[in-house]
PDB file of N, CA and C in Angstrom:
ATOM      1  N   MET A   1     -25.409 -10.376-221.461  1.00  0.00           N
ATOM      2  CA  MET A   1     -26.275 -10.734-220.240  1.00  0.00           C
ATOM      3  C   MET A   1     -25.120 -10.361-219.049  1.00  0.00           C
ATOM      4  N   THR A   2     -25.722  -9.857-217.878  1.00  0.00           N
ATOM      5  CA  THR A   2     -24.902  -9.847-216.936  1.00  0.00           C
ATOM      6  C   THR A   2     -24.605 -10.774-215.919  1.00  0.00           C
ATOM      7  N   LYS A   3     -23.401 -11.334-215.787  1.00  0.00           N
ATOM      8  CA  LYS A   3     -22.783 -12.386-214.900  1.00  0.00           C
ATOM      9  C   LYS A   3     -23.456 -12.008-213.576  1.00  0.00           C
ATOM     10  N   ILE A   4     -23.902 -12.975-212.870  1.00  0.00           N
ATOM     11  CA  ILE A   4     -24.851 -12.993-211.308  1.00  0.00           C
ATOM     12  C   ILE A   4     -23.808 -14.012-210.497  1.00  0.00           C
ATOM     13  N   ARG A   5     -23.431 -13.492-209.417  1.00  0.00           N
ATOM     14  CA  ARG A   5     -22.690 -14.221-208.534  1.00  0.00           C
ATOM     15  C   ARG A   5     -23.519 -15.454-207.875  1.00  0.00           C
ATOM     16  N   SER A   6     -22.915 -16.362-207.279  1.00  0.00           N
ATOM     17  CA  SER A   6     -23.541 -17.475-206.845  1.00  0.00           C
ATOM     18  C   SER A   6     -24.410 -17.131-206.000  1.00  0.00           C
ATOM     19  N   TRP A   7     -24.550 -16.001-204.953  1.00  0.00           N
ATOM     20  CA  TRP A   7     -24.976 -16.010-203.884  1.00  0.00           C
ATOM     21  C   TRP A   7     -26.225 -14.579-204.031  1.00  0.00           C
ATOM     22  N   GLU A   8     -25.935 -14.048-205.365  1.00  0.00           N
ATOM     23  CA  GLU A   8     -26.800 -12.830-205.737  1.00  0.00           C
ATOM     24  C   GLU A   8     -28.284 -13.821-206.068  1.00  0.00           C
ATOM     25  N   VAL A   9     -29.279 -12.916-205.937  1.00  0.00           N
ATOM     26  CA  VAL A   9     -30.671 -13.568-206.103  1.00  0.00           C
ATOM     27  C   VAL A   9     -31.186 -12.820-207.257  1.00  0.00           C
ATOM     28  N   SER A  10     -31.451 -13.606-208.388  1.00  0.00           N
ATOM     29  CA  SER A  10     -31.836 -13.025-209.751  1.00  0.00           C
ATOM     30  C   SER A  10     -33.434 -12.540-209.532  1.00  0.00           C
ATOM     31  N   ASP A  11     -34.057 -11.599-210.403  1.00  0.00           N
ATOM     32  CA  ASP A  11     -35.440 -11.336-210.401  1.00  0.00           C
ATOM     33  C   ASP A  11     -36.338 -12.632-210.445  1.00  0.00           C
ATOM     34  N   ALA A  12     -36.047 -13.328-211.365  1.00  0.00           N
ATOM     35  CA  ALA A  12     -36.751 -14.457-211.315  1.00  0.00           C
ATOM     36  C   ALA A  12     -36.726 -15.623-210.464  1.00  0.00           C
ATOM     37  N   LEU A  13     -35.718 -15.575-209.648  1.00  0.00           N
ATOM     38  CA  LEU A  13     -35.769 -16.342-208.400  1.00  0.00           C
ATOM     39  C   LEU A  13     -36.444 -15.579-206.987  1.00  0.00           C
ATOM     40  N   TRP A  14     -36.193 -14.585-206.997  1.00  0.00           N
ATOM     41  CA  TRP A  14     -36.790 -13.616-205.913  1.00  0.00           C
ATOM     42  C   TRP A  14     -38.039 -13.670-206.008  1.00  0.00           C
ATOM     43  N   GLU A  15     -38.972 -13.362-207.569  1.00  0.00           N
ATOM     44  CA  GLU A  15     -40.281 -13.636-207.449  1.00  0.00           C
ATOM     45  C   GLU A  15     -40.867 -14.917-207.246  1.00  0.00           C
ATOM     46  N   ARG A  16     -40.326 -16.141-207.344  1.00  0.00           N
ATOM     47  CA  ARG A  16     -40.553 -17.583-206.831  1.00  0.00           C
ATOM     48  C   ARG A  16     -40.487 -17.533-205.199  1.00  0.00           C
ATOM     49  N   VAL A  17     -39.532 -16.849-204.710  1.00  0.00           N
ATOM     50  CA  VAL A  17     -39.470 -17.015-203.378  1.00  0.00           C
ATOM     51  C   VAL A  17     -40.312 -15.842-202.375  1.00  0.00           C
ATOM     52  N   LYS A  18     -40.185 -14.705-202.859  1.00  0.00           N
ATOM     53  CA  LYS A  18     -41.086 -13.649-202.437  1.00  0.00           C
ATOM     54  C   LYS A  18     -42.482 -14.024-201.236  1.00  0.00           C
ATOM     55  N   PRO A  19     -43.134 -14.807-202.126  1.00  0.00           N
ATOM     56  CA  PRO A  19     -44.242 -15.345-201.674  1.00  0.00           C
ATOM     57  C   PRO A  19     -43.872 -16.273-200.168  1.00  0.00           C
ATOM     58  N   LEU A  20     -42.932 -16.940-199.921  1.00  0.00           N
ATOM     59  CA  LEU A  20     -42.834 -17.673-199.047  1.00  0.00           C
ATOM     60  C   LEU A  20     -42.100 -16.997-197.648  1.00  0.00           C
ATOM     61  N   ILE A  21     -41.593 -15.520-197.923  1.00  0.00           N
ATOM     62  CA  ILE A  21     -40.699 -14.737-197.108  1.00  0.00           C
ATOM     63  C   ILE A  21     -42.032 -14.608-196.136  1.00  0.00           C
ATOM     64  N   PRO A  22     -41.651 -14.549-194.695  1.00  0.00           N
ATOM     65  CA  PRO A  22     -42.585 -14.239-193.559  1.00  0.00           C
ATOM     66  C   PRO A  22     -42.645 -12.396-193.929  1.00  0.00           C
ATOM     67  N   VAL A  23     -43.898 -12.154-193.663  1.00  0.00           N
ATOM     68  CA  VAL A  23     -44.134 -10.710-193.426  1.00  0.00           C
ATOM     69  C   VAL A  23     -44.225 -10.131-192.322  1.00  0.00           C
ATOM     70  N   VAL A  24     -43.189  -8.662-191.940  1.00  0.00           N
ATOM     71  CA  VAL A  24     -43.106  -8.341-191.184  1.00  0.00           C
ATOM     72  C   VAL A  24     -44.685  -8.059-190.269  1.00  0.00           C
ATOM     73  N   PRO A  25     -44.643  -8.459-188.996  1.00  0.00           N
ATOM     74  CA  PRO A  25     -46.107  -7.819-188.374  1.00  0.00           C
ATOM     75  C   PRO A  25     -46.171  -6.446-188.256  1.00  0.00           C
ATOM     76  N   LYS A  26     -47.890  -5.697-188.697  1.00  0.00           N
ATOM     77  CA  LYS A  26     -47.406  -4.701-188.234  1.00  0.00           C
ATOM     78  C   LYS A  26     -47.900  -4.310-186.637  1.00  0.00           C
ATOM     79  N   ARG A  27     -48.035  -3.173-186.178  1.00  0.00           N
ATOM     80  CA  ARG A  27     -48.247  -2.806-184.873  1.00  0.00           C
ATOM     81  C   ARG A  27     -49.822  -2.894-184.659  1.00  0.00           C
ATOM     82  N   ASN A  28     -50.045  -3.490-183.255  1.00  0.00           N
ATOM     83  CA  ASN A  28     -51.683  -3.596-183.075  1.00  0.00           C
ATOM     84  C   ASN A  28     -52.133  -2.462-182.227  1.00  0.00           C
ATOM     85  N   PRO A  29     -52.903  -1.709-183.308  1.00  0.00           N
ATOM     86  CA  PRO A  29     -53.373  -0.435-182.614  1.00  0.00           C
ATOM     87  C   PRO A  29     -54.332  -0.414-181.602  1.00  0.00           C
ATOM     88  N   GLU A  30     -54.647  -1.604-180.798  1.00  0.00           N
ATOM     89  CA  GLU A  30     -55.105  -1.635-179.511  1.00  0.00           C
ATOM     90  C   GLU A  30     -54.528  -2.079-178.303  1.00  0.00           C
ATOM     91  N   LYS A  31     -53.190  -2.382-178.508  1.00  0.00           N
ATOM     92  CA  LYS A  31     -52.152  -2.861-177.843  1.00  0.00           C
ATOM     93  C   LYS A  31     -51.337  -1.435-177.274  1.00  0.00           C
ATOM     94  N   GLY A  32     -51.207  -1.769-175.944  1.00  0.00           N
ATOM     95  CA  GLY A  32     -50.047  -0.577-175.465  1.00  0.00           C
ATOM     96  C   GLY A  32     -48.885  -0.901-175.459  1.00  0.00           C
ATOM     97  N   TYR A  33     -48.147  -0.277-176.004  1.00  0.00           N
ATOM     98  CA  TYR A  33     -46.383  -0.333-176.142  1.00  0.00           C
ATOM     99  C   TYR A  33     -45.616   0.442-175.335  1.00  0.00           C
ATOM    100  N   LYS A  34     -44.709  -0.119-174.983  1.00  0.00           N
ATOM    101  CA  LYS A  34     -43.656   0.797-174.616  1.00  0.00           C
ATOM    102  C   LYS A  34     -42.810   2.022-175.176  1.00  0.00           C
ATOM    103  N   ARG A  35     -42.695   1.627-176.506  1.00  0.00           N
ATOM    104  CA  ARG A  35     -41.683   2.356-177.348  1.00  0.00           C
ATOM    105  C   ARG A  35     -42.750   3.578-178.090  1.00  0.00           C
ATOM    106  N   LYS A  36     -42.135   4.610-178.566  1.00  0.00           N
ATOM    107  CA  LYS A  36     -43.401   5.216-179.148  1.00  0.00           C
ATOM    108  C   LYS A  36     -43.178   4.981-180.804  1.00  0.00           C
ATOM    109  N   VAL A  37     -44.142   5.222-181.609  1.00  0.00           N
ATOM    110  CA  VAL A  37     -44.213   4.719-182.824  1.00  0.00           C
ATOM    111  C   VAL A  37     -43.111   5.231-183.879  1.00  0.00           C
ATOM    112  N   GLY A  38     -42.024   4.406-184.605  1.00  0.00           N
ATOM    113  CA  GLY A  38     -40.981   4.611-184.944  1.00  0.00           C
ATOM    114  C   GLY A  38     -39.923   4.678-184.299  1.00  0.00           C
ATOM    115  N   GLY A  39     -39.801   4.015-183.244  1.00  0.00           N
ATOM    116  CA  GLY A  39     -38.951   3.574-182.541  1.00  0.00           C
ATOM    117  C   GLY A  39     -38.308   2.300-182.783  1.00  0.00           C
ATOM    118  N   GLY A  40     -36.973   2.231-182.183  1.00  0.00           N
ATOM    119  CA  GLY A  40     -35.995   0.873-182.392  1.00  0.00           C
ATOM    120  C   GLY A  40     -35.851   0.960-184.168  1.00  0.00           C
ATOM    121  N   ARG A  41     -35.558  -0.155-184.427  1.00  0.00           N
ATOM    122  CA  ARG A  41     -34.683  -0.300-185.680  1.00  0.00           C
ATOM    123  C   ARG A  41     -35.587  -0.727-186.683  1.00  0.00           C
ATOM    124  N   LYS A  42     -35.532   0.056-187.986  1.00  0.00           N
ATOM    125  CA  LYS A  42     -36.332  -0.390-188.931  1.00  0.00           C
ATOM    126  C   LYS A  42     -36.092  -1.895-189.394  1.00  0.00           C
ATOM    127  N   PRO A  43     -37.257  -2.492-190.083  1.00  0.00           N
ATOM    128  CA  PRO A  43     -37.091  -3.487-190.423  1.00  0.00           C
ATOM    129  C   PRO A  43     -36.522  -4.002-191.999  1.00  0.00           C
ATOM    130  N   MET A  44     -35.390  -4.705-192.228  1.00  0.00           N
ATOM    131  CA  MET A  44     -34.649  -4.751-193.321  1.00  0.00           C
ATOM    132  C   MET A  44     -35.635  -4.930-194.280  1.00  0.00           C
ATOM    133  N   GLU A  45     -35.013  -4.689-195.494  1.00  0.00           N
ATOM    134  CA  GLU A  45     -35.473  -5.249-196.897  1.00  0.00           C
ATOM    135  C   GLU A  45     -35.554  -6.657-196.980  1.00  0.00           C
ATOM    136  N   ALA A  46     -36.724  -7.360-197.453  1.00  0.00           N
ATOM    137  CA  ALA A  46     -36.573  -9.085-197.488  1.00  0.00           C
ATOM    138  C   ALA A  46     -35.853  -9.337-198.379  1.00  0.00           C
ATOM    139  N   ARG A  47     -35.610  -8.799-199.419  1.00  0.00           N
ATOM    140  CA  ARG A  47     -34.902  -9.401-200.630  1.00  0.00           C
ATOM    141  C   ARG A  47     -33.040  -9.132-200.106  1.00  0.00           C
ATOM    142  N   LYS A  48     -32.622  -8.277-199.318  1.00  0.00           N
ATOM    143  CA  LYS A  48     -31.400  -8.524-198.978  1.00  0.00           C
ATOM    144  C   LYS A  48     -31.239  -9.050-197.684  1.00  0.00           C
ATOM    145  N   VAL A  49     -32.100  -9.417-196.823  1.00  0.00           N
ATOM    146  CA  VAL A  49     -32.122 -10.472-196.032  1.00  0.00           C
ATOM    147  C   VAL A  49     -31.867 -11.712-197.015  1.00  0.00           C
ATOM    148  N   PHE A  50     -32.876 -12.073-197.512  1.00  0.00           N
ATOM    149  CA  PHE A  50     -32.647 -13.321-198.154  1.00  0.00           C
ATOM    150  C   PHE A  50     -31.465 -13.705-199.013  1.00  0.00           C
ATOM    151  N   GLU A  51     -30.756 -12.567-199.540  1.00  0.00           N
ATOM    152  CA  GLU A  51     -29.598 -12.693-200.215  1.00  0.00           C
ATOM    153  C   GLU A  51     -28.373 -12.979-199.177  1.00  0.00           C
ATOM    154  N   GLY A  52     -28.643 -12.271-198.207  1.00  0.00           N
ATOM    155  CA  GLY A  52     -27.549 -12.724-197.003  1.00  0.00           C
ATOM    156  C   GLY A  52     -27.605 -13.854-196.518  1.00  0.00           C
ATOM    157  N   ILE A  53     -28.513 -14.341-196.640  1.00  0.00           N
ATOM    158  CA  ILE A  53     -28.886 -15.720-196.123  1.00  0.00           C
ATOM    159  C   ILE A  53     -28.155 -16.780-197.239  1.00  0.00           C
ATOM    160  N   VAL A  54     -28.668 -16.554-198.347  1.00  0.00           N
ATOM    161  CA  VAL A  54     -27.806 -17.293-199.292  1.00  0.00           C
ATOM    162  C   VAL A  54     -26.553 -17.164-199.461  1.00  0.00           C
ATOM    163  N   TYR A  55     -25.989 -16.066-199.010  1.00  0.00           N
ATOM    164  CA  TYR A  55     -24.511 -15.455-198.962  1.00  0.00           C
ATOM    165  C   TYR A  55     -24.014 -16.839-198.131  1.00  0.00           C
ATOM    166  N   VAL A  56     -24.250 -16.759-196.925  1.00  0.00           N
ATOM    167  CA  VAL A  56     -23.701 -17.399-196.121  1.00  0.00           C
ATOM    168  C   VAL A  56     -23.896 -19.093-196.437  1.00  0.00           C
ATOM    169  N   LEU A  57     -24.781 -19.337-196.992  1.00  0.00           N
ATOM    170  CA  LEU A  57     -25.238 -20.756-197.429  1.00  0.00           C
ATOM    171  C   LEU A  57     -24.431 -21.422-198.504  1.00  0.00           C
ATOM    172  N   ARG A  58     -24.104 -20.504-199.525  1.00  0.00           N
ATOM    173  CA  ARG A  58     -23.143 -20.577-200.438  1.00  0.00           C
ATOM    174  C   ARG A  58     -21.908 -20.564-200.274  1.00  0.00           C
ATOM    175  N   THR A  59     -21.477 -19.706-199.429  1.00  0.00           N
ATOM    176  CA  THR A  59     -19.815 -19.807-199.224  1.00  0.00           C
ATOM    177  C   THR A  59     -19.477 -20.361-198.159  1.00  0.00           C
ATOM    178  N   GLY A  60     -20.368 -20.725-197.165  1.00  0.00           N
ATOM    179  CA  GLY A  60     -19.953 -21.387-196.004  1.00  0.00           C
ATOM    180  C   GLY A  60     -19.266 -20.410-195.158  1.00  0.00           C
ATOM    181  N   CYS A  61     -19.118 -19.064-194.958  1.00  0.00           N
ATOM    182  CA  CYS A  61     -18.647 -18.276-194.027  1.00  0.00           C
ATOM    183  C   CYS A  61     -19.598 -18.163-192.813  1.00  0.00           C
ATOM    184  N   GLN A  62     -18.846 -17.822-191.834  1.00  0.00           N
ATOM    185  CA  GLN A  62     -19.504 -17.776-190.459  1.00  0.00           C
ATOM    186  C   GLN A  62     -20.631 -16.338-190.505  1.00  0.00           C
ATOM    187  N   TRP A  63     -21.777 -16.207-189.869  1.00  0.00           N
ATOM    188  CA  TRP A  63     -22.543 -15.075-189.898  1.00  0.00           C
ATOM    189  C   TRP A  63     -21.998 -13.886-189.640  1.00  0.00           C
ATOM    190  N   LYS A  64     -20.843 -13.630-188.694  1.00  0.00           N
ATOM    191  CA  LYS A  64     -20.326 -12.490-188.113  1.00  0.00           C
ATOM    192  C   LYS A  64     -19.604 -11.888-189.152  1.00  0.00           C
ATOM    193  N   ALA A  65     -18.771 -13.097-190.091  1.00  0.00           N
ATOM    194  CA  ALA A  65     -17.832 -12.500-191.632  1.00  0.00           C
ATOM    195  C   ALA A  65     -18.999 -11.980-192.458  1.00  0.00           C
ATOM    196  N   LEU A  66     -20.543 -12.018-192.484  1.00  0.00           N
ATOM    197  CA  LEU A  66     -21.037 -11.332-193.443  1.00  0.00           C
ATOM    198  C   LEU A  66     -20.580  -9.882-193.786  1.00  0.00           C
ATOM    199  N   PRO A  67     -20.052  -9.440-195.102  1.00  0.00           N
ATOM    200  CA  PRO A  67     -19.887  -8.105-195.381  1.00  0.00           C
ATOM    201  C   PRO A  67     -21.206  -7.092-194.872  1.00  0.00           C
ATOM    202  N   LYS A  68     -20.715  -6.247-194.085  1.00  0.00           N
ATOM    203  CA  LYS A  68     -21.417  -5.415-193.435  1.00  0.00           C
ATOM    204  C   LYS A  68     -21.738  -4.115-194.762  1.00  0.00           C
ATOM    205  N   GLU A  69     -20.940  -3.789-195.415  1.00  0.00           N
ATOM    206  CA  GLU A  69     -21.162  -3.043-196.276  1.00  0.00           C
ATOM    207  C   GLU A  69     -22.286  -3.336-197.593  1.00  0.00           C
ATOM    208  N   ARG A  70     -22.325  -4.553-197.597  1.00  0.00           N
ATOM    209  CA  ARG A  70     -23.463  -5.420-198.525  1.00  0.00           C
ATOM    210  C   ARG A  70     -24.637  -5.597-197.956  1.00  0.00           C
ATOM    211  N   PHE A  71     -24.661  -6.325-196.752  1.00  0.00           N
ATOM    212  CA  PHE A  71     -25.784  -6.830-196.023  1.00  0.00           C
ATOM    213  C   PHE A  71     -26.437  -6.292-194.803  1.00  0.00           C
ATOM    214  N   GLY A  72     -25.569  -5.424-194.247  1.00  0.00           N
ATOM    215  CA  GLY A  72     -26.041  -4.605-193.055  1.00  0.00           C
ATOM    216  C   GLY A  72     -25.566  -5.552-191.534  1.00  0.00           C
ATOM    217  N   SER A  73     -26.578  -5.930-190.674  1.00  0.00           N
ATOM    218  CA  SER A  73     -26.316  -6.337-189.408  1.00  0.00           C
ATOM    219  C   SER A  73     -26.284  -7.846-189.709  1.00  0.00           C
ATOM    220  N   ALA A  74     -25.197  -8.411-189.454  1.00  0.00           N
ATOM    221  CA  ALA A  74     -25.271  -9.967-189.380  1.00  0.00           C
ATOM    222  C   ALA A  74     -25.857 -10.668-188.639  1.00  0.00           C
ATOM    223  N   SER A  75     -25.912  -9.934-187.867  1.00  0.00           N
ATOM    224  CA  SER A  75     -27.016 -10.416-186.407  1.00  0.00           C
ATOM    225  C   SER A  75     -28.530 -10.420-186.741  1.00  0.00           C
ATOM    226  N   SER A  76     -28.650  -9.167-187.408  1.00  0.00           N
ATOM    227  CA  SER A  76     -29.972  -9.128-187.516  1.00  0.00           C
ATOM    228  C   SER A  76     -30.575 -10.235-189.037  1.00  0.00           C
ATOM    229  N   ILE A  77     -29.657 -10.372-189.983  1.00  0.00           N
ATOM    230  CA  ILE A  77     -29.521 -11.617-190.744  1.00  0.00           C
ATOM    231  C   ILE A  77     -30.094 -12.997-190.163  1.00  0.00           C
ATOM    232  N   HIS A  78     -29.046 -13.131-189.414  1.00  0.00           N
ATOM    233  CA  HIS A  78     -29.004 -14.284-188.696  1.00  0.00           C
ATOM    234  C   HIS A  78     -30.344 -14.847-188.040  1.00  0.00           C
ATOM    235  N   ALA A  79     -30.611 -13.418-187.193  1.00  0.00           N
ATOM    236  CA  ALA A  79     -32.419 -13.446-186.435  1.00  0.00           C
ATOM    237  C   ALA A  79     -33.422 -14.013-187.530  1.00  0.00           C
ATOM    238  N   TYR A  80     -33.435 -13.479-188.755  1.00  0.00           N
ATOM    239  CA  TYR A  80     -34.323 -13.487-189.527  1.00  0.00           C
ATOM    240  C   TYR A  80     -34.539 -14.983-190.392  1.00  0.00           C
ATOM    241  N   PHE A  81     -32.946 -15.434-190.558  1.00  0.00           N
ATOM    242  CA  PHE A  81     -32.740 -17.104-190.584  1.00  0.00           C
ATOM    243  C   PHE A  81     -33.579 -17.829-189.537  1.00  0.00           C
ATOM    244  N   LEU A  82     -33.106 -17.592-188.368  1.00  0.00           N
ATOM    245  CA  LEU A  82     -33.849 -18.334-187.203  1.00  0.00           C
ATOM    246  C   LEU A  82     -35.517 -18.553-187.405  1.00  0.00           C
ATOM    247  N   GLN A  83     -36.218 -17.320-187.748  1.00  0.00           N
ATOM    248  CA  GLN A  83     -37.251 -16.976-187.907  1.00  0.00           C
ATOM    249  C   GLN A  83     -37.969 -18.305-189.061  1.00  0.00           C
TER     250      GLN A  83
END
């Protein structure tokens, strides 16, 4: 059996939490946008965002102290948390 760290999300937990995570809204084809399709940052993977949030809550570290190599942009994860 593989040891899981306290902030890592197991497959079983992810299956329970996944339906509660907000879905990133799609573009409305009837609305006029200033940016072209595909412009801007791509949405982050929901499981990675959730794991980053759990990491901050379990370790008590500051949002800016999130390991960038593992979770990506700390400010993006914090923005998802605020949603």
